Structures are given as C-alpha cells and as structure tokens.
Amino acid sequence: MSARGPQKIANVLAELMARRGYGRVRAGEVYDQAWRDAAGSLLAQYTRVGTLRRGALEITVANSTLLQEVTFQKADLLKRLVGLLPNEGIRDLRFWLGTVS
C-alpha cells in the first residue's frame, strides 16, 4: 500500500502505461491503420504516419510528386480520417517530405 492508500488497479495500470509510453505506441498503431483505410493501400505504401500535434496529424511522404497529390486530396483524406477516428481531435493534416520505409 502506498501512503495515499489503496488505488484502483485501472488507475495504476493507466499511470504505468503513460509513464512507459505504451499509450503513444498504441495510438500510433491506431493512426497508422486509420491512415491506411483513409488513404488506400497504394498511397499508404509511400507514406508514413507520424504524431498528432495540436490537432494536426503529421504524415511523411516519400517523394515530391506524391506530396503534391496528397496536398490536393487533403480535404477528402482529413474527412475520412475524422470519420474513422472521431474522438481523436484530428483537425488538420501536415505533410512532410521524407524517407518512408
């Protein structure tokens, strides 16, 4: 027992997961799957989901041609993502040119 007295196991586990970063890993998996569903397999193959920062989900794109294409499709992609993840607070997509593996 701690000095604060007994705690609910759910609270202890939630605190442990937050300290160890497991919540971010799980959120990343959820974002990745939703992105694949929203973007389609071909587009998802050349992009990688990053983190959600202040409501903007960061997406790394493999080349400049594809970067231009996802920029044109941004409104539709965002609408699909919000539909798939309505409680995540995604309000924008931010695309970056970078290495996708």
N, C-alpha and C. Protein backbone atom coordinates (compact mmCIF):
# COMPACT_ATOMS: atom_id res chain seq x y z
N MET A 1 0.83 -1.19 0.00
CA MET A 1 0.00 0.00 0.00
C MET A 1 0.87 1.25 0.00
N SER A 2 0.40 2.24 -0.66
CA SER A 2 1.14 3.49 -0.70
C SER A 2 0.65 4.41 0.42
N ALA A 3 1.32 5.52 0.57
CA ALA A 3 0.94 6.49 1.59
C ALA A 3 -0.45 7.08 1.31
N ARG A 4 -0.85 7.03 0.06
CA ARG A 4 -2.16 7.58 -0.30
C ARG A 4 -3.27 6.56 -0.07
N GLY A 5 -2.94 5.36 0.25
CA GLY A 5 -3.95 4.32 0.45
C GLY A 5 -4.15 3.50 -0.81
N PRO A 6 -5.07 2.56 -0.74
CA PRO A 6 -5.31 1.69 -1.89
C PRO A 6 -5.81 2.47 -3.11
N GLN A 7 -5.40 2.00 -4.29
CA GLN A 7 -5.82 2.63 -5.54
C GLN A 7 -6.45 1.57 -6.43
N LYS A 8 -7.31 2.00 -7.30
CA LYS A 8 -7.91 1.09 -8.26
C LYS A 8 -6.82 0.60 -9.22
N ILE A 9 -6.88 -0.69 -9.56
CA ILE A 9 -5.89 -1.26 -10.46
C ILE A 9 -5.90 -0.57 -11.82
N ALA A 10 -7.07 -0.15 -12.28
CA ALA A 10 -7.17 0.54 -13.57
C ALA A 10 -6.36 1.84 -13.56
N ASN A 11 -6.40 2.56 -12.44
CA ASN A 11 -5.65 3.80 -12.33
C ASN A 11 -4.15 3.54 -12.30
N VAL A 12 -3.75 2.50 -11.59
CA VAL A 12 -2.33 2.15 -11.51
C VAL A 12 -1.81 1.75 -12.88
N LEU A 13 -2.57 0.92 -13.60
CA LEU A 13 -2.15 0.49 -14.93
C LEU A 13 -2.10 1.66 -15.91
N ALA A 14 -3.07 2.54 -15.84
CA ALA A 14 -3.08 3.70 -16.73
C ALA A 14 -1.86 4.58 -16.49
N GLU A 15 -1.51 4.78 -15.23
CA GLU A 15 -0.34 5.58 -14.90
C GLU A 15 0.95 4.91 -15.39
N LEU A 16 1.05 3.61 -15.19
CA LEU A 16 2.22 2.86 -15.65
C LEU A 16 2.35 2.95 -17.17
N MET A 17 1.25 2.76 -17.88
CA MET A 17 1.30 2.82 -19.34
C MET A 17 1.70 4.20 -19.82
N ALA A 18 1.22 5.24 -19.17
CA ALA A 18 1.58 6.60 -19.55
C ALA A 18 3.07 6.85 -19.31
N ARG A 19 3.57 6.40 -18.18
CA ARG A 19 4.99 6.60 -17.87
C ARG A 19 5.91 5.86 -18.83
N ARG A 20 5.49 4.68 -19.26
CA ARG A 20 6.32 3.86 -20.15
C ARG A 20 6.12 4.19 -21.63
N GLY A 21 5.14 5.03 -21.95
CA GLY A 21 4.91 5.43 -23.33
C GLY A 21 4.08 4.46 -24.14
N TYR A 22 3.45 3.48 -23.49
CA TYR A 22 2.66 2.50 -24.23
C TYR A 22 1.45 3.13 -24.90
N GLY A 23 0.91 4.15 -24.33
CA GLY A 23 -0.24 4.83 -24.93
C GLY A 23 0.10 5.44 -26.27
N ARG A 24 1.30 6.01 -26.39
CA ARG A 24 1.73 6.58 -27.67
C ARG A 24 1.91 5.50 -28.72
N VAL A 25 2.45 4.36 -28.32
CA VAL A 25 2.64 3.25 -29.26
C VAL A 25 1.28 2.78 -29.76
N ARG A 26 0.35 2.60 -28.88
CA ARG A 26 -0.99 2.15 -29.25
C ARG A 26 -1.67 3.18 -30.14
N ALA A 27 -1.55 4.45 -29.79
CA ALA A 27 -2.16 5.50 -30.61
C ALA A 27 -1.54 5.50 -32.00
N GLY A 28 -0.24 5.29 -32.09
CA GLY A 28 0.43 5.22 -33.38
C GLY A 28 -0.11 4.11 -34.25
N GLU A 29 -0.37 2.96 -33.65
CA GLU A 29 -0.93 1.83 -34.39
C GLU A 29 -2.34 2.16 -34.89
N VAL A 30 -3.12 2.80 -34.05
CA VAL A 30 -4.48 3.18 -34.42
C VAL A 30 -4.45 4.20 -35.56
N TYR A 31 -3.58 5.21 -35.45
CA TYR A 31 -3.46 6.22 -36.50
C TYR A 31 -2.99 5.59 -37.81
N ASP A 32 -2.03 4.68 -37.71
CA ASP A 32 -1.49 4.02 -38.89
C ASP A 32 -2.58 3.23 -39.63
N GLN A 33 -3.36 2.47 -38.89
CA GLN A 33 -4.43 1.69 -39.52
C GLN A 33 -5.49 2.59 -40.13
N ALA A 34 -5.87 3.64 -39.43
CA ALA A 34 -6.87 4.57 -39.95
C ALA A 34 -6.36 5.27 -41.21
N TRP A 35 -5.07 5.64 -41.21
CA TRP A 35 -4.48 6.27 -42.39
C TRP A 35 -4.52 5.33 -43.58
N ARG A 36 -4.16 4.06 -43.37
CA ARG A 36 -4.21 3.07 -44.46
C ARG A 36 -5.63 2.95 -45.00
N ASP A 37 -6.61 2.94 -44.12
CA ASP A 37 -8.01 2.83 -44.55
C ASP A 37 -8.45 4.09 -45.30
N ALA A 38 -8.06 5.25 -44.82
CA ALA A 38 -8.48 6.51 -45.43
C ALA A 38 -7.76 6.77 -46.76
N ALA A 39 -6.47 6.46 -46.81
CA ALA A 39 -5.66 6.79 -47.99
C ALA A 39 -5.70 5.71 -49.06
N GLY A 40 -5.96 4.48 -48.67
CA GLY A 40 -5.90 3.38 -49.62
C GLY A 40 -4.51 2.76 -49.61
N SER A 41 -4.42 1.53 -50.05
CA SER A 41 -3.16 0.79 -49.92
C SER A 41 -2.02 1.38 -50.75
N LEU A 42 -2.31 1.87 -51.96
CA LEU A 42 -1.24 2.40 -52.80
C LEU A 42 -0.63 3.66 -52.19
N LEU A 43 -1.46 4.59 -51.79
CA LEU A 43 -0.97 5.83 -51.18
C LEU A 43 -0.29 5.54 -49.83
N ALA A 44 -0.87 4.64 -49.06
CA ALA A 44 -0.30 4.31 -47.75
C ALA A 44 1.07 3.67 -47.87
N GLN A 45 1.31 3.00 -48.99
CA GLN A 45 2.61 2.35 -49.21
C GLN A 45 3.76 3.36 -49.28
N TYR A 46 3.47 4.56 -49.72
CA TYR A 46 4.50 5.59 -49.91
C TYR A 46 4.41 6.72 -48.90
N THR A 47 3.69 6.47 -47.81
CA THR A 47 3.55 7.47 -46.75
C THR A 47 3.73 6.78 -45.40
N ARG A 48 3.98 7.59 -44.38
CA ARG A 48 4.12 7.06 -43.01
C ARG A 48 3.51 8.05 -42.05
N VAL A 49 2.72 7.53 -41.12
CA VAL A 49 2.05 8.37 -40.13
C VAL A 49 3.03 8.74 -39.02
N GLY A 50 3.00 9.99 -38.64
CA GLY A 50 3.82 10.47 -37.53
C GLY A 50 2.97 10.65 -36.28
N THR A 51 3.14 11.77 -35.64
CA THR A 51 2.43 12.02 -34.39
C THR A 51 1.33 13.06 -34.59
N LEU A 52 0.44 13.10 -33.63
CA LEU A 52 -0.61 14.10 -33.60
C LEU A 52 -0.14 15.23 -32.70
N ARG A 53 0.00 16.41 -33.27
CA ARG A 53 0.46 17.58 -32.52
C ARG A 53 -0.55 18.71 -32.69
N ARG A 54 -1.12 19.11 -31.57
CA ARG A 54 -2.08 20.22 -31.55
C ARG A 54 -3.16 20.07 -32.62
N GLY A 55 -3.66 18.84 -32.77
CA GLY A 55 -4.75 18.59 -33.70
C GLY A 55 -4.34 18.29 -35.12
N ALA A 56 -3.04 18.38 -35.42
CA ALA A 56 -2.56 18.11 -36.78
C ALA A 56 -1.81 16.78 -36.80
N LEU A 57 -2.27 15.85 -37.63
CA LEU A 57 -1.60 14.57 -37.78
C LEU A 57 -0.52 14.73 -38.84
N GLU A 58 0.70 14.38 -38.47
CA GLU A 58 1.84 14.53 -39.38
C GLU A 58 1.99 13.27 -40.22
N ILE A 59 2.15 13.47 -41.53
CA ILE A 59 2.30 12.38 -42.48
C ILE A 59 3.57 12.64 -43.28
N THR A 60 4.48 11.67 -43.29
CA THR A 60 5.68 11.75 -44.11
C THR A 60 5.39 11.12 -45.47
N VAL A 61 5.80 11.82 -46.52
CA VAL A 61 5.51 11.39 -47.89
C VAL A 61 6.84 11.14 -48.61
N ALA A 62 6.90 10.06 -49.41
CA ALA A 62 8.16 9.58 -49.99
C ALA A 62 8.75 10.48 -51.07
N ASN A 63 7.93 11.17 -51.85
CA ASN A 63 8.50 11.99 -52.93
C ASN A 63 7.64 13.22 -53.18
N SER A 64 8.21 14.17 -53.91
CA SER A 64 7.54 15.46 -54.10
C SER A 64 6.29 15.35 -54.97
N THR A 65 6.28 14.44 -55.93
CA THR A 65 5.10 14.26 -56.76
C THR A 65 3.91 13.79 -55.92
N LEU A 66 4.18 12.83 -55.06
CA LEU A 66 3.14 12.32 -54.17
C LEU A 66 2.74 13.36 -53.13
N LEU A 67 3.69 14.15 -52.69
CA LEU A 67 3.39 15.23 -51.75
C LEU A 67 2.38 16.19 -52.35
N GLN A 68 2.57 16.52 -53.62
CA GLN A 68 1.63 17.40 -54.31
C GLN A 68 0.25 16.73 -54.41
N GLU A 69 0.22 15.45 -54.71
CA GLU A 69 -1.05 14.72 -54.84
C GLU A 69 -1.81 14.68 -53.52
N VAL A 70 -1.14 14.35 -52.40
CA VAL A 70 -1.85 14.29 -51.12
C VAL A 70 -2.30 15.68 -50.68
N THR A 71 -1.56 16.70 -51.08
CA THR A 71 -1.98 18.07 -50.77
C THR A 71 -3.29 18.39 -51.48
N PHE A 72 -3.42 17.96 -52.74
CA PHE A 72 -4.68 18.15 -53.46
C PHE A 72 -5.83 17.37 -52.81
N GLN A 73 -5.54 16.21 -52.27
CA GLN A 73 -6.56 15.35 -51.68
C GLN A 73 -6.76 15.59 -50.18
N LYS A 74 -6.10 16.58 -49.63
CA LYS A 74 -6.07 16.80 -48.18
C LYS A 74 -7.47 16.86 -47.55
N ALA A 75 -8.38 17.61 -48.12
CA ALA A 75 -9.72 17.76 -47.53
C ALA A 75 -10.44 16.42 -47.46
N ASP A 76 -10.37 15.63 -48.53
CA ASP A 76 -11.03 14.32 -48.53
C ASP A 76 -10.36 13.37 -47.54
N LEU A 77 -9.04 13.36 -47.51
CA LEU A 77 -8.31 12.48 -46.59
C LEU A 77 -8.65 12.83 -45.14
N LEU A 78 -8.68 14.13 -44.84
CA LEU A 78 -8.99 14.57 -43.49
C LEU A 78 -10.41 14.16 -43.11
N LYS A 79 -11.34 14.33 -44.01
CA LYS A 79 -12.74 13.96 -43.74
C LYS A 79 -12.84 12.46 -43.44
N ARG A 80 -12.15 11.64 -44.22
CA ARG A 80 -12.18 10.19 -43.98
C ARG A 80 -11.55 9.83 -42.63
N LEU A 81 -10.43 10.46 -42.32
CA LEU A 81 -9.76 10.18 -41.04
C LEU A 81 -10.63 10.58 -39.85
N VAL A 82 -11.24 11.73 -39.93
CA VAL A 82 -12.11 12.17 -38.84
C VAL A 82 -13.28 11.21 -38.69
N GLY A 83 -13.78 10.70 -39.81
CA GLY A 83 -14.85 9.71 -39.75
C GLY A 83 -14.40 8.41 -39.10
N LEU A 84 -13.16 8.02 -39.33
CA LEU A 84 -12.62 6.78 -38.75
C LEU A 84 -12.20 6.96 -37.29
N LEU A 85 -11.75 8.16 -36.94
CA LEU A 85 -11.27 8.45 -35.59
C LEU A 85 -11.96 9.70 -35.03
N PRO A 86 -13.26 9.64 -34.81
CA PRO A 86 -14.00 10.85 -34.42
C PRO A 86 -13.61 11.43 -33.07
N ASN A 87 -13.04 10.64 -32.18
CA ASN A 87 -12.73 11.12 -30.83
C ASN A 87 -11.26 11.49 -30.64
N GLU A 88 -10.48 11.53 -31.70
CA GLU A 88 -9.04 11.78 -31.57
C GLU A 88 -8.66 13.25 -31.70
N GLY A 89 -9.58 14.08 -32.11
CA GLY A 89 -9.30 15.51 -32.20
C GLY A 89 -8.43 15.89 -33.39
N ILE A 90 -8.47 15.10 -34.47
CA ILE A 90 -7.69 15.44 -35.67
C ILE A 90 -8.44 16.54 -36.42
N ARG A 91 -7.78 17.68 -36.57
CA ARG A 91 -8.38 18.83 -37.24
C ARG A 91 -7.64 19.22 -38.52
N ASP A 92 -6.44 18.65 -38.70
CA ASP A 92 -5.62 19.04 -39.85
C ASP A 92 -4.64 17.91 -40.17
N LEU A 93 -4.14 17.93 -41.39
CA LEU A 93 -3.07 17.02 -41.80
C LEU A 93 -1.88 17.87 -42.20
N ARG A 94 -0.72 17.48 -41.77
CA ARG A 94 0.51 18.19 -42.12
C ARG A 94 1.42 17.20 -42.83
N PHE A 95 1.74 17.49 -44.09
CA PHE A 95 2.55 16.58 -44.89
C PHE A 95 4.00 17.04 -44.94
N TRP A 96 4.92 16.07 -44.82
CA TRP A 96 6.36 16.33 -44.85
C TRP A 96 7.01 15.42 -45.88
N LEU A 97 7.99 15.89 -46.56
CA LEU A 97 8.77 15.09 -47.48
C LEU A 97 9.86 14.39 -46.67
N GLY A 98 9.97 13.08 -46.82
CA GLY A 98 10.96 12.35 -46.05
C GLY A 98 11.08 10.90 -46.47
N THR A 99 11.85 10.16 -45.72
CA THR A 99 12.09 8.75 -46.01
C THR A 99 10.97 7.91 -45.43
N VAL A 100 10.44 7.03 -46.26
CA VAL A 100 9.38 6.12 -45.84
C VAL A 100 9.91 4.71 -46.03
N SER A 101 9.90 3.93 -44.95
CA SER A 101 10.40 2.55 -45.07
C SER A 101 9.32 1.56 -44.74
